[in-house]
Amino acid sequence: MTTALFITLAVITVLSAIALFVFICLYVYNDALVNSDKPVLWLLITIFTPNLFGFLIYMLVGRSKDRKPVRKFKLPAVISGIIVLIATTAFTASVFISSDIPVINNVSVGMVTNNIGSKWEVSYKSSGETLERTIAVTDEELNNLTVEASCEEGEMYLLLIQGKNAEVIDITDFPESKLTLPDFTAGNIKLSLYNESAKNAKIKIDW
């Protein structure tokens, strides 16, 4: 897949989602003019409640009057919804099926991260951005700082910084190993993952 096609699919998905949201807001406001005494309030609830829950709440409890719903925004909303579905399906398929995801500077595609506890796990289809995290380690954890990483294309580097001390490690193809950091001490360490056109990567850092 070319970068232009990938960006086009992403833009279509975003724009169609925005169009659907606008139509839903218009529908709620115009319907509330007929079926509620507080159309502005329901419009604001629809706008600021995430994941369209505001729209669902209005349809369930906000329509206090039993009158015919407004229909003039129904067809555009349906059309926009279909476009969102098609565009999102195409975009998702391109990310998780295609083996030729383009690398875009400062953008990661298909990324999954786990920042829970003493583990930092990252995987993605492609990435051209730098990921950062600061961890706090004890003396024992410092001696057990373990890294495992691999990627099918491109290069990956791990930068560790503590005060004036810095260590750069090439983790493009890095079997599970404990790091030796004689100049580092217990305390905060800044971790930075640098991706140079990396694709299909998996990184696991454990302390």
Protein backbone atom coordinates (compact mmCIF):
# COMPACT_ATOMS: atom_id res chain seq x y z
CA MET A 1 0.00 0.00 0.00
CA THR A 2 1.30 3.43 -0.89
CA THR A 3 1.54 6.21 1.65
CA ALA A 4 -0.90 8.29 -0.41
CA LEU A 5 -3.54 5.53 -0.36
CA PHE A 6 -3.07 4.97 3.36
CA ILE A 7 -3.46 8.69 4.13
CA THR A 8 -6.49 8.90 1.83
CA LEU A 9 -8.23 6.05 3.67
CA ALA A 10 -7.42 7.63 7.03
CA VAL A 11 -8.72 11.05 5.93
CA ILE A 12 -11.94 9.56 4.50
CA THR A 13 -12.54 7.67 7.74
CA VAL A 14 -12.03 10.76 9.91
CA LEU A 15 -14.08 13.09 7.69
CA SER A 16 -16.96 10.65 7.35
CA ALA A 17 -17.02 10.15 11.13
CA ILE A 18 -17.15 13.93 11.61
CA ALA A 19 -19.96 14.19 9.04
CA LEU A 20 -21.97 11.51 10.84
CA PHE A 21 -21.48 13.27 14.17
CA VAL A 22 -22.63 16.61 12.71
CA PHE A 23 -25.75 15.03 11.20
CA ILE A 24 -26.61 13.33 14.49
CA CYS A 25 -26.26 16.62 16.36
CA LEU A 26 -28.50 18.35 13.82
CA TYR A 27 -31.03 15.54 14.08
CA VAL A 28 -31.12 15.72 17.88
CA TYR A 29 -31.52 19.51 17.91
CA ASN A 30 -34.28 19.59 15.31
CA ASP A 31 -36.09 16.64 16.85
CA ALA A 32 -35.81 18.22 20.30
CA LEU A 33 -37.43 21.39 18.96
CA VAL A 34 -40.54 19.27 18.40
CA ASN A 35 -40.32 16.65 21.12
CA SER A 36 -38.58 18.39 24.03
CA ASP A 37 -38.66 21.69 25.87
CA LYS A 38 -34.85 21.88 26.08
CA PRO A 39 -33.39 21.47 22.59
CA VAL A 40 -30.18 23.40 23.34
CA LEU A 41 -29.50 21.28 26.43
CA TRP A 42 -29.91 18.04 24.49
CA LEU A 43 -27.69 19.37 21.71
CA LEU A 44 -24.93 20.11 24.24
CA ILE A 45 -25.34 16.69 25.85
CA THR A 46 -25.03 15.05 22.43
CA ILE A 47 -21.93 17.07 21.57
CA PHE A 48 -20.02 16.58 24.81
CA THR A 49 -21.00 13.04 25.79
CA PRO A 50 -18.48 10.62 24.23
CA ASN A 51 -19.23 7.63 22.00
CA LEU A 52 -22.68 8.94 21.00
CA PHE A 53 -24.09 8.09 24.43
CA GLY A 54 -25.72 11.53 24.46
CA PHE A 55 -27.70 10.60 21.35
CA LEU A 56 -28.79 7.31 22.90
CA ILE A 57 -29.83 9.02 26.14
CA TYR A 58 -31.89 11.55 24.20
CA MET A 59 -33.64 8.86 22.18
CA LEU A 60 -34.42 6.86 25.33
CA VAL A 61 -35.47 9.54 27.82
CA GLY A 62 -35.18 12.96 26.21
CA ARG A 63 -38.14 12.79 23.85
CA SER A 64 -40.77 13.88 26.35
CA LYS A 65 -43.47 14.49 23.73
CA ASP A 66 -45.02 11.83 21.59
CA ARG A 67 -44.76 13.48 18.20
CA LYS A 68 -43.40 12.35 14.88
CA PRO A 69 -39.60 12.46 14.75
CA VAL A 70 -37.80 14.86 12.45
CA ARG A 71 -36.98 13.06 9.21
CA LYS A 72 -35.13 15.61 7.11
CA PHE A 73 -31.75 14.64 8.64
CA LYS A 74 -32.44 10.93 8.69
CA LEU A 75 -31.25 10.10 5.15
CA PRO A 76 -27.97 12.10 5.38
CA ALA A 77 -27.25 10.45 8.73
CA VAL A 78 -27.83 6.98 7.27
CA ILE A 79 -25.65 7.74 4.23
CA SER A 80 -22.90 9.15 6.44
CA GLY A 81 -23.10 6.09 8.68
CA ILE A 82 -22.68 3.78 5.70
CA ILE A 83 -19.64 5.78 4.54
CA VAL A 84 -18.13 5.58 8.03
CA LEU A 85 -18.65 1.81 8.09
CA ILE A 86 -17.12 1.27 4.65
CA ALA A 87 -14.19 3.64 5.25
CA THR A 88 -13.45 2.26 8.71
CA THR A 89 -13.59 -1.33 7.44
CA ALA A 90 -11.24 -0.52 4.57
CA PHE A 91 -8.85 1.37 6.84
CA THR A 92 -8.83 -1.37 9.49
CA ALA A 93 -8.32 -4.07 6.88
CA SER A 94 -5.41 -2.14 5.37
CA VAL A 95 -3.76 -1.90 8.78
CA PHE A 96 -4.17 -5.47 10.00
CA ILE A 97 -4.05 -7.41 6.73
CA SER A 98 -1.64 -5.57 4.49
CA SER A 99 2.04 -6.46 4.87
CA ASP A 100 3.15 -3.21 3.29
CA ILE A 101 1.98 -0.54 5.72
CA PRO A 102 3.79 2.71 4.93
CA VAL A 103 5.98 4.31 7.59
CA ILE A 104 5.01 7.93 8.32
CA ASN A 105 7.16 10.21 10.45
CA ASN A 106 5.86 10.62 14.01
CA VAL A 107 3.00 8.18 13.35
CA SER A 108 2.45 4.61 14.57
CA VAL A 109 -0.01 2.23 12.93
CA GLY A 110 -1.63 -0.75 14.62
CA MET A 111 0.06 -0.01 17.93
CA VAL A 112 -0.76 -1.88 21.13
CA THR A 113 0.91 -0.91 24.41
CA ASN A 114 0.93 -2.27 27.94
CA ASN A 115 2.23 0.08 30.64
CA ILE A 116 0.99 -1.85 33.64
CA GLY A 117 3.23 -2.54 36.61
CA SER A 118 6.88 -3.28 35.95
CA LYS A 119 6.42 -4.08 32.28
CA TRP A 120 6.41 -1.96 29.16
CA GLU A 121 5.24 -3.92 26.14
CA VAL A 122 4.81 -2.37 22.69
CA SER A 123 3.85 -3.86 19.34
CA TYR A 124 2.90 -2.21 16.07
CA LYS A 125 2.56 -2.70 12.34
CA SER A 126 4.73 0.30 11.48
CA SER A 127 6.17 3.27 13.32
CA GLY A 128 8.21 6.38 12.63
CA GLU A 129 7.81 7.99 16.05
CA THR A 130 9.72 8.01 19.32
CA LEU A 131 8.01 6.49 22.36
CA GLU A 132 9.03 7.59 25.84
CA ARG A 133 8.48 6.46 29.39
CA THR A 134 10.11 7.17 32.74
CA ILE A 135 10.43 4.30 35.19
CA ALA A 136 11.47 4.20 38.83
CA VAL A 137 13.70 1.27 39.77
CA THR A 138 15.30 -0.05 42.94
CA ASP A 139 18.82 -1.52 43.07
CA GLU A 140 17.38 -5.00 42.65
CA GLU A 141 15.15 -3.95 39.74
CA LEU A 142 18.06 -2.16 38.08
CA ASN A 143 20.00 -5.43 38.04
CA ASN A 144 16.98 -7.22 36.57
CA LEU A 145 16.18 -4.75 33.78
CA THR A 146 15.39 -7.08 30.86
CA VAL A 147 14.78 -6.25 27.20
CA GLU A 148 13.49 -8.40 24.35
CA ALA A 149 12.75 -6.93 20.92
CA SER A 150 12.45 -7.71 17.23
CA CYS A 151 11.18 -6.17 14.00
CA GLU A 152 10.88 -7.44 10.43
CA GLU A 153 12.04 -4.22 8.76
CA GLY A 154 13.82 -1.03 9.75
CA GLU A 155 15.74 -0.38 12.95
CA MET A 156 14.92 0.24 16.62
CA TYR A 157 17.05 1.80 19.34
CA LEU A 158 16.56 2.07 23.08
CA LEU A 159 17.96 5.17 24.79
CA LEU A 160 18.30 5.18 28.58
CA ILE A 161 18.98 8.47 30.36
CA GLN A 162 19.63 9.16 34.03
CA GLY A 163 21.10 12.55 34.80
CA LYS A 164 24.34 12.83 32.83
CA ASN A 165 24.45 9.11 32.11
CA ALA A 166 23.11 7.81 28.79
CA GLU A 167 23.14 4.45 27.05
CA VAL A 168 22.04 3.67 23.48
CA ILE A 169 21.23 0.06 22.59
CA ASP A 170 20.39 -1.32 19.15
CA ILE A 171 17.32 -3.53 19.78
CA THR A 172 16.43 -4.24 16.14
CA ASP A 173 17.03 -7.94 16.77
CA PHE A 174 17.54 -8.30 20.50
CA PRO A 175 17.03 -11.68 22.22
CA GLU A 176 15.79 -11.55 25.80
CA SER A 177 18.72 -10.24 27.85
CA LYS A 178 19.41 -8.46 31.11
CA LEU A 179 21.02 -5.06 30.60
CA THR A 180 24.32 -4.18 32.23
CA LEU A 181 24.25 -0.53 33.33
CA PRO A 182 27.23 0.08 35.64
CA ASP A 183 26.87 3.88 35.52
CA PHE A 184 23.20 3.87 36.52
CA THR A 185 21.79 3.83 40.04
CA ALA A 186 18.41 3.23 41.67
CA GLY A 187 15.90 5.97 40.85
CA ASN A 188 14.19 7.35 37.77
CA ILE A 189 15.37 6.31 34.31
CA LYS A 190 13.98 7.77 31.12
CA LEU A 191 13.41 5.22 28.36
CA SER A 192 13.06 6.29 24.73
CA LEU A 193 12.25 3.94 21.87
CA TYR A 194 13.53 5.32 18.56
CA ASN A 195 12.00 3.77 15.46
CA GLU A 196 13.71 4.07 12.09
CA SER A 197 11.07 2.89 9.59
CA ALA A 198 10.36 -0.09 11.84
CA LYS A 199 7.65 -2.55 10.80
CA ASN A 200 5.96 -5.47 12.57
CA ALA A 201 7.83 -4.80 15.78
CA LYS A 202 7.54 -6.23 19.27
CA ILE A 203 9.32 -4.78 22.29
CA LYS A 204 9.18 -6.03 25.87
CA ILE A 205 10.94 -4.24 28.72
CA ASP A 206 10.67 -5.70 32.19
CA TRP A 207 12.22 -4.65 35.47
